[in-house]
Amino acid sequence: MHRYDIDLDPEGTWSVVDLDTGLTCEIGGLVLEGLRFKIADQLASLLNDMDRQRRRLH
């Protein structure tokens, strides 16, 4: 199961969403919205990989 996914914005761009909270992801003050599909998809994949690694360590 993955924690992060992407949603289509009303403007036709994409956001990375945290499925645990239902909120758009924010990293270092940068809100992950208004993105092209490929970038949003890659960021969600990276965040899911990082989350899986973090869970393995705990």
Protein backbone atom coordinates (compact mmCIF):
# COMPACT_ATOMS: atom_id res chain seq x y z
CA MET A 1 0.00 0.00 0.00
CA HIS A 2 1.27 3.48 -0.72
CA ARG A 3 0.90 6.70 1.22
CA TYR A 4 1.21 9.26 -1.59
CA ASP A 5 -0.77 9.65 -4.80
CA ILE A 6 -1.55 12.35 -7.33
CA ASP A 7 -4.77 14.25 -7.97
CA LEU A 8 -5.87 16.23 -10.99
CA ASP A 9 -6.38 19.90 -10.11
CA PRO A 10 -9.28 21.91 -11.59
CA GLU A 11 -6.75 23.86 -13.68
CA GLY A 12 -5.58 20.66 -15.39
CA THR A 13 -2.34 20.40 -13.40
CA TRP A 14 -1.50 17.80 -10.76
CA SER A 15 -0.88 17.74 -7.00
CA VAL A 16 0.84 15.19 -4.78
CA VAL A 17 -1.48 14.17 -1.95
CA ASP A 18 -0.78 12.44 1.37
CA LEU A 19 -3.46 9.73 1.53
CA ASP A 20 -3.15 9.51 5.34
CA THR A 21 -4.19 13.15 5.80
CA GLY A 22 -5.95 13.92 2.53
CA LEU A 23 -3.84 17.07 2.22
CA THR A 24 -1.56 18.29 -0.55
CA CYS A 25 2.06 17.50 0.33
CA GLU A 26 4.46 20.20 1.36
CA ILE A 27 8.22 19.70 1.45
CA GLY A 28 10.45 22.38 2.89
CA GLY A 29 7.77 25.01 2.41
CA LEU A 30 7.13 23.99 -1.22
CA VAL A 31 3.54 22.91 -1.82
CA LEU A 32 3.44 20.10 -4.40
CA GLU A 33 0.62 21.42 -6.55
CA GLY A 34 0.31 22.92 -10.02
CA LEU A 35 2.66 20.29 -11.44
CA ARG A 36 2.91 18.54 -14.77
CA PHE A 37 1.76 14.91 -14.64
CA LYS A 38 5.21 13.36 -15.07
CA ILE A 39 6.77 15.47 -12.31
CA ALA A 40 3.90 14.83 -9.88
CA ASP A 41 4.03 11.09 -10.61
CA GLN A 42 7.80 10.97 -10.06
CA LEU A 43 7.57 12.93 -6.80
CA ALA A 44 4.81 10.66 -5.48
CA SER A 45 6.91 7.61 -6.37
CA LEU A 46 9.96 9.08 -4.61
CA LEU A 47 7.94 9.94 -1.50
CA ASN A 48 6.45 6.43 -1.43
CA ASP A 49 9.95 4.89 -1.70
CA MET A 50 11.18 7.08 1.15
CA ASP A 51 8.14 6.21 3.28
CA ARG A 52 8.67 2.46 2.71
CA GLN A 53 12.33 2.76 3.72
CA ARG A 54 11.43 4.75 6.83
CA ARG A 55 8.86 2.14 7.87
CA ARG A 56 11.38 -0.68 7.44
CA LEU A 57 13.77 1.04 9.85
CA HIS A 58 11.14 1.41 12.59
